[in-house]
N, C-alpha and C. Protein backbone atom coordinates (compact mmCIF):
# COMPACT_ATOMS: atom_id res chain seq x y z
N MET A 1 -44.05 -92.28 28.03
CA MET A 1 -44.54 -92.95 29.22
C MET A 1 -44.48 -94.46 29.01
N THR A 2 -44.14 -95.16 30.05
CA THR A 2 -43.98 -96.60 29.97
C THR A 2 -45.32 -97.30 30.14
N GLU A 3 -45.55 -98.33 29.33
CA GLU A 3 -46.78 -99.10 29.41
C GLU A 3 -46.78 -99.94 30.68
N PRO A 4 -47.96 -100.34 31.16
CA PRO A 4 -48.00 -101.24 32.33
C PRO A 4 -47.23 -102.52 32.04
N MET A 5 -46.59 -103.04 33.02
CA MET A 5 -45.79 -104.27 32.95
C MET A 5 -44.47 -104.09 32.23
N ALA A 6 -44.22 -102.93 31.60
CA ALA A 6 -42.93 -102.73 30.96
C ALA A 6 -41.88 -102.55 32.03
N VAL A 7 -42.27 -101.96 33.16
CA VAL A 7 -41.35 -101.74 34.25
C VAL A 7 -41.45 -102.91 35.22
N VAL A 8 -40.37 -103.60 35.38
CA VAL A 8 -40.30 -104.68 36.36
C VAL A 8 -39.00 -104.54 37.12
N THR A 9 -39.00 -105.03 38.32
CA THR A 9 -37.79 -104.98 39.13
C THR A 9 -36.96 -106.23 38.86
N ARG A 10 -35.79 -106.27 39.44
CA ARG A 10 -34.91 -107.41 39.24
C ARG A 10 -35.59 -108.71 39.65
N GLY A 11 -36.19 -108.71 40.80
CA GLY A 11 -36.85 -109.91 41.28
C GLY A 11 -38.04 -110.30 40.44
N GLU A 12 -38.76 -109.30 39.93
CA GLU A 12 -39.93 -109.59 39.11
C GLU A 12 -39.57 -110.13 37.74
N LEU A 13 -38.42 -109.75 37.21
CA LEU A 13 -38.04 -110.18 35.87
C LEU A 13 -37.98 -111.71 35.79
N ALA A 14 -37.41 -112.33 36.78
CA ALA A 14 -37.33 -113.80 36.77
C ALA A 14 -38.72 -114.42 36.83
N SER A 15 -39.60 -113.85 37.64
CA SER A 15 -40.95 -114.43 37.74
C SER A 15 -41.76 -114.15 36.49
N VAL A 16 -41.54 -113.01 35.84
CA VAL A 16 -42.24 -112.70 34.60
C VAL A 16 -41.84 -113.70 33.53
N VAL A 17 -40.57 -114.05 33.48
CA VAL A 17 -40.08 -114.98 32.46
C VAL A 17 -40.68 -116.37 32.67
N ARG A 18 -40.91 -116.75 33.92
CA ARG A 18 -41.45 -118.08 34.20
C ARG A 18 -42.96 -118.18 33.99
N ASP A 19 -43.67 -117.07 34.04
CA ASP A 19 -45.13 -117.06 33.89
C ASP A 19 -45.46 -116.65 32.46
N GLU A 20 -46.00 -117.60 31.68
CA GLU A 20 -46.22 -117.35 30.24
C GLU A 20 -47.13 -116.15 29.99
N ALA A 21 -48.21 -116.02 30.73
CA ALA A 21 -49.15 -114.91 30.51
C ALA A 21 -48.50 -113.57 30.85
N ARG A 22 -47.82 -113.52 32.00
CA ARG A 22 -47.13 -112.27 32.39
C ARG A 22 -46.01 -111.95 31.41
N PHE A 23 -45.29 -112.98 30.95
CA PHE A 23 -44.21 -112.75 29.99
C PHE A 23 -44.78 -112.18 28.70
N ARG A 24 -45.85 -112.77 28.19
CA ARG A 24 -46.46 -112.31 26.94
C ARG A 24 -46.87 -110.84 27.08
N HIS A 25 -47.50 -110.50 28.20
CA HIS A 25 -47.93 -109.11 28.43
C HIS A 25 -46.72 -108.17 28.48
N TRP A 26 -45.69 -108.58 29.22
CA TRP A 26 -44.46 -107.77 29.32
C TRP A 26 -43.78 -107.64 27.95
N TYR A 27 -43.67 -108.74 27.25
CA TYR A 27 -43.03 -108.75 25.93
C TYR A 27 -43.79 -107.84 24.97
N ASP A 28 -45.12 -107.96 24.93
CA ASP A 28 -45.93 -107.13 24.05
C ASP A 28 -45.80 -105.65 24.38
N ALA A 29 -45.57 -105.34 25.65
CA ALA A 29 -45.43 -103.95 26.07
C ALA A 29 -44.04 -103.39 25.75
N THR A 30 -43.02 -104.23 25.81
CA THR A 30 -41.64 -103.73 25.63
C THR A 30 -41.14 -103.86 24.20
N LEU A 31 -41.62 -104.84 23.47
CA LEU A 31 -41.13 -105.08 22.11
C LEU A 31 -41.22 -103.84 21.21
N PRO A 32 -42.36 -103.15 21.15
CA PRO A 32 -42.43 -102.00 20.23
C PRO A 32 -41.40 -100.91 20.55
N ARG A 33 -41.12 -100.69 21.81
CA ARG A 33 -40.14 -99.65 22.18
C ARG A 33 -38.74 -100.05 21.75
N VAL A 34 -38.39 -101.30 21.97
CA VAL A 34 -37.05 -101.76 21.57
C VAL A 34 -36.94 -101.72 20.05
N TYR A 35 -37.97 -102.18 19.36
CA TYR A 35 -37.96 -102.15 17.89
C TYR A 35 -37.83 -100.72 17.38
N ARG A 36 -38.61 -99.78 17.93
CA ARG A 36 -38.53 -98.38 17.49
C ARG A 36 -37.13 -97.81 17.73
N TYR A 37 -36.55 -98.17 18.87
CA TYR A 37 -35.19 -97.70 19.17
C TYR A 37 -34.23 -98.15 18.07
N LEU A 38 -34.32 -99.42 17.69
CA LEU A 38 -33.42 -99.96 16.67
C LEU A 38 -33.78 -99.46 15.27
N ALA A 39 -35.06 -99.41 14.94
CA ALA A 39 -35.48 -98.99 13.60
C ALA A 39 -34.98 -97.59 13.30
N ALA A 40 -34.96 -96.72 14.30
CA ALA A 40 -34.48 -95.35 14.10
C ALA A 40 -32.99 -95.30 13.81
N ARG A 41 -32.28 -96.38 14.09
CA ARG A 41 -30.83 -96.42 13.93
C ARG A 41 -30.37 -97.36 12.82
N CYS A 42 -31.32 -97.97 12.13
CA CYS A 42 -30.98 -98.96 11.09
C CYS A 42 -31.18 -98.43 9.68
N ALA A 43 -31.27 -97.16 9.51
CA ALA A 43 -31.34 -96.51 8.20
C ALA A 43 -32.39 -97.14 7.28
N GLY A 44 -33.56 -97.39 7.83
CA GLY A 44 -34.64 -97.92 7.02
C GLY A 44 -34.60 -99.41 6.74
N ASP A 45 -33.64 -100.12 7.31
CA ASP A 45 -33.54 -101.56 7.10
C ASP A 45 -34.39 -102.27 8.15
N ASP A 46 -35.67 -102.46 7.81
CA ASP A 46 -36.61 -103.07 8.76
C ASP A 46 -36.22 -104.49 9.14
N ALA A 47 -35.70 -105.25 8.19
CA ALA A 47 -35.30 -106.63 8.47
C ALA A 47 -34.18 -106.65 9.51
N LEU A 48 -33.23 -105.73 9.38
CA LEU A 48 -32.14 -105.65 10.35
C LEU A 48 -32.68 -105.26 11.72
N ALA A 49 -33.58 -104.29 11.77
CA ALA A 49 -34.16 -103.88 13.05
C ALA A 49 -34.90 -105.05 13.70
N GLU A 50 -35.63 -105.82 12.91
CA GLU A 50 -36.34 -106.98 13.46
C GLU A 50 -35.38 -108.03 13.98
N GLU A 51 -34.33 -108.30 13.21
CA GLU A 51 -33.34 -109.30 13.62
C GLU A 51 -32.65 -108.88 14.91
N LEU A 52 -32.25 -107.62 14.98
CA LEU A 52 -31.56 -107.13 16.18
C LEU A 52 -32.50 -107.09 17.39
N THR A 53 -33.78 -106.82 17.15
CA THR A 53 -34.75 -106.84 18.24
C THR A 53 -34.86 -108.26 18.80
N GLN A 54 -34.93 -109.23 17.90
CA GLN A 54 -34.99 -110.62 18.33
C GLN A 54 -33.73 -110.99 19.12
N GLN A 55 -32.57 -110.61 18.60
CA GLN A 55 -31.31 -110.90 19.30
C GLN A 55 -31.28 -110.25 20.68
N THR A 56 -31.85 -109.05 20.77
CA THR A 56 -31.88 -108.33 22.05
C THR A 56 -32.67 -109.11 23.10
N PHE A 57 -33.85 -109.58 22.72
CA PHE A 57 -34.67 -110.31 23.69
C PHE A 57 -34.06 -111.66 24.04
N VAL A 58 -33.44 -112.32 23.10
CA VAL A 58 -32.77 -113.59 23.38
C VAL A 58 -31.64 -113.34 24.38
N ALA A 59 -30.84 -112.31 24.12
CA ALA A 59 -29.72 -111.99 25.02
C ALA A 59 -30.24 -111.60 26.39
N ALA A 60 -31.32 -110.84 26.44
CA ALA A 60 -31.88 -110.43 27.74
C ALA A 60 -32.35 -111.63 28.54
N LEU A 61 -33.00 -112.57 27.87
CA LEU A 61 -33.48 -113.75 28.59
C LEU A 61 -32.32 -114.62 29.06
N ARG A 62 -31.30 -114.73 28.22
CA ARG A 62 -30.13 -115.54 28.63
C ARG A 62 -29.40 -114.90 29.80
N ASN A 63 -29.40 -113.57 29.84
CA ASN A 63 -28.61 -112.86 30.85
C ASN A 63 -29.49 -112.15 31.88
N ARG A 64 -30.70 -112.66 32.10
CA ARG A 64 -31.63 -111.99 33.01
C ARG A 64 -31.08 -111.89 34.42
N ASP A 65 -30.19 -112.80 34.80
CA ASP A 65 -29.61 -112.74 36.14
C ASP A 65 -28.64 -111.58 36.28
N ARG A 66 -28.23 -110.97 35.18
CA ARG A 66 -27.33 -109.81 35.23
C ARG A 66 -28.08 -108.49 35.42
N PHE A 67 -29.38 -108.52 35.22
CA PHE A 67 -30.17 -107.31 35.43
C PHE A 67 -30.17 -107.01 36.92
N ASP A 68 -29.62 -105.84 37.29
CA ASP A 68 -29.46 -105.54 38.71
C ASP A 68 -30.57 -104.67 39.27
N GLY A 69 -31.51 -104.24 38.44
CA GLY A 69 -32.64 -103.48 38.93
C GLY A 69 -32.37 -102.02 39.19
N ARG A 70 -31.15 -101.54 38.91
CA ARG A 70 -30.84 -100.13 39.14
C ARG A 70 -31.47 -99.22 38.09
N SER A 71 -31.84 -99.80 36.96
CA SER A 71 -32.48 -99.02 35.89
C SER A 71 -33.77 -99.70 35.49
N ASP A 72 -34.52 -99.00 34.68
CA ASP A 72 -35.74 -99.57 34.11
C ASP A 72 -35.35 -100.70 33.18
N VAL A 73 -36.17 -101.73 33.06
CA VAL A 73 -35.88 -102.85 32.18
C VAL A 73 -35.76 -102.38 30.74
N LEU A 74 -36.56 -101.40 30.34
CA LEU A 74 -36.47 -100.88 28.97
C LEU A 74 -35.11 -100.23 28.71
N THR A 75 -34.58 -99.55 29.69
CA THR A 75 -33.25 -98.96 29.56
C THR A 75 -32.22 -100.06 29.38
N TRP A 76 -32.35 -101.12 30.15
CA TRP A 76 -31.45 -102.28 30.05
C TRP A 76 -31.58 -102.94 28.68
N LEU A 77 -32.83 -103.14 28.21
CA LEU A 77 -33.04 -103.74 26.90
C LEU A 77 -32.46 -102.86 25.79
N CYS A 78 -32.64 -101.56 25.89
CA CYS A 78 -32.09 -100.66 24.86
C CYS A 78 -30.56 -100.67 24.88
N ALA A 79 -29.97 -100.85 26.04
CA ALA A 79 -28.50 -100.97 26.11
C ALA A 79 -28.06 -102.26 25.41
N ILE A 80 -28.78 -103.34 25.62
CA ILE A 80 -28.47 -104.59 24.92
C ILE A 80 -28.65 -104.39 23.42
N ALA A 81 -29.75 -103.73 23.03
CA ALA A 81 -30.01 -103.47 21.61
C ALA A 81 -28.89 -102.63 20.99
N ARG A 82 -28.46 -101.62 21.72
CA ARG A 82 -27.36 -100.77 21.23
C ARG A 82 -26.10 -101.61 21.01
N ASN A 83 -25.80 -102.50 21.94
CA ASN A 83 -24.62 -103.35 21.79
C ASN A 83 -24.76 -104.29 20.60
N ARG A 84 -25.95 -104.83 20.38
CA ARG A 84 -26.18 -105.70 19.22
C ARG A 84 -25.98 -104.91 17.92
N LEU A 85 -26.46 -103.67 17.90
CA LEU A 85 -26.32 -102.82 16.72
C LEU A 85 -24.85 -102.49 16.46
N ILE A 86 -24.12 -102.17 17.51
CA ILE A 86 -22.69 -101.90 17.38
C ILE A 86 -21.96 -103.12 16.85
N ASP A 87 -22.28 -104.29 17.42
CA ASP A 87 -21.66 -105.53 16.95
C ASP A 87 -21.94 -105.76 15.47
N HIS A 88 -23.20 -105.50 15.04
CA HIS A 88 -23.56 -105.67 13.63
C HIS A 88 -22.70 -104.77 12.75
N TYR A 89 -22.61 -103.50 13.10
CA TYR A 89 -21.86 -102.57 12.25
C TYR A 89 -20.36 -102.86 12.28
N ARG A 90 -19.85 -103.31 13.39
CA ARG A 90 -18.44 -103.71 13.44
C ARG A 90 -18.18 -104.89 12.52
N ARG A 91 -19.08 -105.89 12.59
CA ARG A 91 -18.95 -107.07 11.74
C ARG A 91 -19.03 -106.67 10.26
N HIS A 92 -19.96 -105.79 9.94
CA HIS A 92 -20.12 -105.32 8.56
C HIS A 92 -18.85 -104.58 8.10
N ALA A 93 -18.31 -103.73 8.95
CA ALA A 93 -17.10 -102.99 8.59
C ALA A 93 -15.92 -103.95 8.40
N ARG A 94 -15.83 -104.97 9.27
CA ARG A 94 -14.75 -105.95 9.16
C ARG A 94 -14.86 -106.72 7.84
N GLU A 95 -16.08 -107.12 7.46
CA GLU A 95 -16.27 -107.83 6.20
C GLU A 95 -15.92 -106.95 5.01
N THR A 96 -16.30 -105.69 5.07
CA THR A 96 -15.98 -104.75 3.99
C THR A 96 -14.46 -104.58 3.86
N ARG A 97 -13.80 -104.44 5.01
CA ARG A 97 -12.33 -104.31 4.98
C ARG A 97 -11.68 -105.55 4.40
N ARG A 98 -12.18 -106.73 4.74
CA ARG A 98 -11.63 -107.97 4.20
C ARG A 98 -11.77 -108.01 2.69
N HIS A 99 -12.94 -107.65 2.19
CA HIS A 99 -13.12 -107.63 0.74
C HIS A 99 -12.19 -106.63 0.08
N ASP A 100 -12.09 -105.46 0.68
CA ASP A 100 -11.20 -104.43 0.12
C ASP A 100 -9.75 -104.90 0.14
N GLN A 101 -9.34 -105.52 1.23
CA GLN A 101 -7.97 -106.01 1.32
C GLN A 101 -7.69 -107.09 0.29
N LEU A 102 -8.64 -107.99 0.11
CA LEU A 102 -8.46 -109.05 -0.87
C LEU A 102 -8.31 -108.47 -2.27
N ILE A 103 -9.15 -107.53 -2.58
CA ILE A 103 -9.13 -106.94 -3.91
C ILE A 103 -7.86 -106.13 -4.12
N ASN A 104 -7.39 -105.47 -3.07
CA ASN A 104 -6.22 -104.62 -3.20
C ASN A 104 -4.90 -105.34 -2.92
N ALA A 105 -4.96 -106.59 -2.47
CA ALA A 105 -3.76 -107.31 -2.05
C ALA A 105 -2.72 -107.42 -3.15
N HIS A 106 -3.15 -107.63 -4.36
CA HIS A 106 -2.20 -107.84 -5.45
C HIS A 106 -2.12 -106.65 -6.40
N ARG A 107 -2.63 -105.53 -5.96
CA ARG A 107 -2.69 -104.36 -6.83
C ARG A 107 -1.30 -103.90 -7.27
N THR A 108 -0.38 -103.82 -6.36
CA THR A 108 0.92 -103.24 -6.64
C THR A 108 1.70 -104.06 -7.65
N GLY A 109 1.88 -103.52 -8.82
CA GLY A 109 2.74 -104.09 -9.84
C GLY A 109 2.25 -105.34 -10.53
N ILE A 110 1.19 -105.95 -10.13
CA ILE A 110 0.77 -107.20 -10.75
C ILE A 110 -0.13 -106.92 -11.93
N ASP A 111 -1.16 -106.12 -11.73
CA ASP A 111 -2.11 -105.90 -12.81
C ASP A 111 -2.88 -104.63 -12.52
N THR A 112 -2.80 -103.69 -13.42
CA THR A 112 -3.50 -102.44 -13.19
C THR A 112 -5.01 -102.60 -13.24
N ARG A 113 -5.50 -103.73 -13.81
CA ARG A 113 -6.94 -103.96 -13.83
C ARG A 113 -7.51 -104.08 -12.43
N TRP A 114 -6.71 -104.44 -11.43
CA TRP A 114 -7.19 -104.56 -10.06
C TRP A 114 -7.70 -103.22 -9.54
N GLN A 115 -7.25 -102.15 -10.16
CA GLN A 115 -7.65 -100.84 -9.70
C GLN A 115 -9.01 -100.43 -10.23
N SER A 116 -9.53 -101.10 -11.20
CA SER A 116 -10.80 -100.69 -11.79
C SER A 116 -11.98 -101.19 -10.98
N VAL A 117 -13.03 -100.43 -11.03
CA VAL A 117 -14.26 -100.81 -10.33
C VAL A 117 -14.84 -102.08 -10.93
N GLU A 118 -14.76 -102.21 -12.24
CA GLU A 118 -15.30 -103.40 -12.90
C GLU A 118 -14.60 -104.67 -12.42
N THR A 119 -13.30 -104.59 -12.27
CA THR A 119 -12.54 -105.76 -11.82
C THR A 119 -12.89 -106.09 -10.38
N ARG A 120 -12.99 -105.06 -9.55
CA ARG A 120 -13.36 -105.30 -8.15
C ARG A 120 -14.72 -106.01 -8.09
N ASN A 121 -15.67 -105.53 -8.85
CA ASN A 121 -16.99 -106.15 -8.87
C ASN A 121 -16.91 -107.59 -9.37
N ALA A 122 -16.07 -107.82 -10.38
CA ALA A 122 -15.92 -109.17 -10.93
C ALA A 122 -15.32 -110.12 -9.90
N VAL A 123 -14.33 -109.64 -9.15
CA VAL A 123 -13.69 -110.47 -8.11
C VAL A 123 -14.71 -110.81 -7.03
N GLU A 124 -15.46 -109.81 -6.59
CA GLU A 124 -16.46 -110.06 -5.55
C GLU A 124 -17.52 -111.04 -6.05
N ALA A 125 -17.96 -110.87 -7.28
CA ALA A 125 -18.97 -111.78 -7.84
C ALA A 125 -18.41 -113.19 -7.96
N THR A 126 -17.15 -113.30 -8.35
CA THR A 126 -16.51 -114.61 -8.47
C THR A 126 -16.42 -115.29 -7.12
N LEU A 127 -16.04 -114.55 -6.10
CA LEU A 127 -15.97 -115.11 -4.75
C LEU A 127 -17.35 -115.59 -4.28
N ARG A 128 -18.39 -114.84 -4.59
CA ARG A 128 -19.75 -115.25 -4.20
C ARG A 128 -20.17 -116.54 -4.90
N ARG A 129 -19.63 -116.81 -6.08
CA ARG A 129 -20.00 -118.01 -6.84
C ARG A 129 -19.30 -119.26 -6.31
N LEU A 130 -18.24 -119.10 -5.54
CA LEU A 130 -17.51 -120.26 -5.01
C LEU A 130 -18.28 -120.88 -3.85
N PRO A 131 -18.11 -122.18 -3.64
CA PRO A 131 -18.70 -122.80 -2.46
C PRO A 131 -18.16 -122.13 -1.19
N ALA A 132 -18.97 -122.11 -0.16
CA ALA A 132 -18.62 -121.38 1.07
C ALA A 132 -17.28 -121.83 1.65
N ASP A 133 -17.00 -123.14 1.66
CA ASP A 133 -15.75 -123.59 2.27
C ASP A 133 -14.54 -123.12 1.47
N GLN A 134 -14.65 -123.10 0.14
CA GLN A 134 -13.55 -122.62 -0.70
C GLN A 134 -13.36 -121.11 -0.51
N ARG A 135 -14.46 -120.37 -0.49
CA ARG A 135 -14.38 -118.92 -0.31
C ARG A 135 -13.72 -118.59 1.03
N LEU A 136 -14.15 -119.27 2.09
CA LEU A 136 -13.61 -119.03 3.42
C LEU A 136 -12.12 -119.35 3.47
N ALA A 137 -11.73 -120.47 2.89
CA ALA A 137 -10.31 -120.85 2.89
C ALA A 137 -9.47 -119.81 2.16
N LEU A 138 -9.94 -119.35 1.00
CA LEU A 138 -9.21 -118.32 0.25
C LEU A 138 -9.09 -117.03 1.05
N LEU A 139 -10.18 -116.61 1.67
CA LEU A 139 -10.16 -115.38 2.44
C LEU A 139 -9.19 -115.49 3.62
N PHE A 140 -9.25 -116.61 4.34
CA PHE A 140 -8.33 -116.80 5.47
C PHE A 140 -6.87 -116.80 5.00
N ARG A 141 -6.61 -117.52 3.92
CA ARG A 141 -5.23 -117.69 3.46
C ARG A 141 -4.66 -116.41 2.86
N TYR A 142 -5.41 -115.78 1.95
CA TYR A 142 -4.84 -114.67 1.19
C TYR A 142 -5.26 -113.30 1.68
N LEU A 143 -6.37 -113.18 2.32
CA LEU A 143 -6.78 -111.90 2.85
C LEU A 143 -6.26 -111.70 4.27
N ASP A 144 -6.48 -112.71 5.10
CA ASP A 144 -6.02 -112.61 6.48
C ASP A 144 -4.56 -113.00 6.65
N GLY A 145 -3.98 -113.63 5.61
CA GLY A 145 -2.57 -113.98 5.67
C GLY A 145 -2.25 -115.14 6.59
N LEU A 146 -3.22 -116.00 6.84
CA LEU A 146 -2.97 -117.15 7.72
C LEU A 146 -2.16 -118.21 6.98
N SER A 147 -1.38 -118.94 7.72
CA SER A 147 -0.66 -120.07 7.13
C SER A 147 -1.65 -121.19 6.85
N VAL A 148 -1.23 -122.17 6.06
CA VAL A 148 -2.10 -123.31 5.77
C VAL A 148 -2.48 -124.01 7.08
N ARG A 149 -1.54 -124.14 7.98
CA ARG A 149 -1.81 -124.78 9.28
C ARG A 149 -2.87 -124.00 10.05
N GLU A 150 -2.78 -122.66 10.05
CA GLU A 150 -3.76 -121.84 10.76
C GLU A 150 -5.14 -121.92 10.09
N VAL A 151 -5.15 -121.94 8.76
CA VAL A 151 -6.41 -122.09 8.05
C VAL A 151 -7.04 -123.43 8.40
N ALA A 152 -6.25 -124.47 8.39
CA ALA A 152 -6.74 -125.81 8.71
C ALA A 152 -7.37 -125.83 10.10
N SER A 153 -6.69 -125.22 11.06
CA SER A 153 -7.21 -125.17 12.42
C SER A 153 -8.51 -124.38 12.47
N ALA A 154 -8.57 -123.27 11.75
CA ALA A 154 -9.76 -122.41 11.77
C ALA A 154 -10.99 -123.08 11.16
N ILE A 155 -10.77 -123.90 10.13
CA ILE A 155 -11.92 -124.52 9.46
C ILE A 155 -12.15 -125.97 9.88
N GLY A 156 -11.29 -126.47 10.75
CA GLY A 156 -11.49 -127.81 11.30
C GLY A 156 -11.14 -128.93 10.33
N ARG A 157 -10.08 -128.74 9.57
CA ARG A 157 -9.62 -129.78 8.64
C ARG A 157 -8.14 -130.06 8.89
N THR A 158 -7.66 -131.15 8.30
CA THR A 158 -6.24 -131.43 8.39
C THR A 158 -5.50 -130.50 7.44
N GLU A 159 -4.18 -130.39 7.63
CA GLU A 159 -3.39 -129.54 6.74
C GLU A 159 -3.47 -130.05 5.31
N LYS A 160 -3.37 -131.36 5.14
CA LYS A 160 -3.43 -131.96 3.81
C LYS A 160 -4.76 -131.64 3.13
N ALA A 161 -5.85 -131.82 3.87
CA ALA A 161 -7.18 -131.53 3.33
C ALA A 161 -7.32 -130.04 3.00
N THR A 162 -6.72 -129.21 3.82
CA THR A 162 -6.78 -127.76 3.58
C THR A 162 -5.98 -127.38 2.35
N GLU A 163 -4.80 -127.99 2.18
CA GLU A 163 -4.01 -127.72 0.97
C GLU A 163 -4.80 -128.12 -0.27
N SER A 164 -5.46 -129.24 -0.21
CA SER A 164 -6.28 -129.70 -1.33
C SER A 164 -7.45 -128.75 -1.57
N LEU A 165 -8.10 -128.33 -0.50
CA LEU A 165 -9.21 -127.38 -0.61
C LEU A 165 -8.75 -126.07 -1.23
N LEU A 166 -7.60 -125.59 -0.81
CA LEU A 166 -7.06 -124.33 -1.36
C LEU A 166 -6.72 -124.48 -2.84
N ALA A 167 -6.17 -125.62 -3.22
CA ALA A 167 -5.84 -125.84 -4.64
C ALA A 167 -7.12 -125.84 -5.47
N ARG A 168 -8.15 -126.54 -4.98
CA ARG A 168 -9.44 -126.55 -5.70
C ARG A 168 -10.05 -125.16 -5.74
N ALA A 169 -9.93 -124.43 -4.65
CA ALA A 169 -10.51 -123.08 -4.57
C ALA A 169 -9.81 -122.13 -5.54
N ARG A 170 -8.47 -122.22 -5.60
CA ARG A 170 -7.73 -121.35 -6.55
C ARG A 170 -8.13 -121.67 -7.98
N GLU A 171 -8.24 -122.95 -8.29
CA GLU A 171 -8.62 -123.34 -9.65
C GLU A 171 -10.05 -122.91 -9.96
N ALA A 172 -10.96 -123.12 -9.02
CA ALA A 172 -12.35 -122.72 -9.23
C ALA A 172 -12.45 -121.21 -9.40
N PHE A 173 -11.66 -120.47 -8.64
CA PHE A 173 -11.66 -119.02 -8.78
C PHE A 173 -11.15 -118.62 -10.17
N ARG A 174 -10.03 -119.23 -10.60
CA ARG A 174 -9.48 -118.91 -11.91
C ARG A 174 -10.50 -119.18 -13.03
N VAL A 175 -11.14 -120.34 -12.97
CA VAL A 175 -12.12 -120.69 -13.99
C VAL A 175 -13.32 -119.74 -13.94
N ALA A 176 -13.87 -119.52 -12.74
CA ALA A 176 -15.05 -118.67 -12.61
C ALA A 176 -14.73 -117.22 -13.01
N TYR A 177 -13.57 -116.76 -12.64
CA TYR A 177 -13.17 -115.38 -12.98
C TYR A 177 -12.98 -115.25 -14.48
N GLY A 178 -12.37 -116.26 -15.10
CA GLY A 178 -12.18 -116.24 -16.56
C GLY A 178 -13.49 -116.31 -17.29
N ASP A 179 -14.42 -117.14 -16.82
CA ASP A 179 -15.74 -117.24 -17.44
C ASP A 179 -16.48 -115.92 -17.35
N GLN A 180 -16.34 -115.25 -16.23
CA GLN A 180 -17.05 -113.98 -16.04
C GLN A 180 -16.49 -112.90 -16.96
N ASN A 181 -15.18 -112.91 -17.15
CA ASN A 181 -14.58 -111.89 -18.02
C ASN A 181 -14.80 -112.18 -19.49
N ASP A 182 -15.06 -113.44 -19.83
CA ASP A 182 -15.31 -113.80 -21.22
C ASP A 182 -16.73 -113.43 -21.63
N ALA A 183 -17.62 -113.33 -20.64
CA ALA A 183 -19.03 -113.07 -20.93
C ALA A 183 -19.28 -111.64 -21.35
């Protein structure tokens, strides 16, 4: 059963958002339902459920003019929450594929150590130790296969600066990877 104020019509949603007391009451009534919806789908990751709940309400407020009133506001909020959850898992899957591709990119004929779990873990750890701009440039260049010009455009640098960044990133990776294997 829906709590009082959880159900609002299209016209009421705009007025609820403008009235702080009514908004607080509506928010307090709807938040637990949206959170429970997400928590049940986040495999025990409470922080993720909280983050996605926050994103849901932000998106709902930004797009309140799109609420057409044909459904209950909670149904609309849960649809937004579902889309945020799908986006999260898609992003996570994309990042996992990128890491896997990077690790497997040079597997064929270069070094059989690339096939070992220990090496994969070492490569991932080495990438995490690099500064964010170097890591991103390496991933764009060698994982995504972008040209130096495309990498430069993606990170907002000149081609010359990007070439320099890539050279520093390759060297930093070599040093960090060697240090990790020596330990």
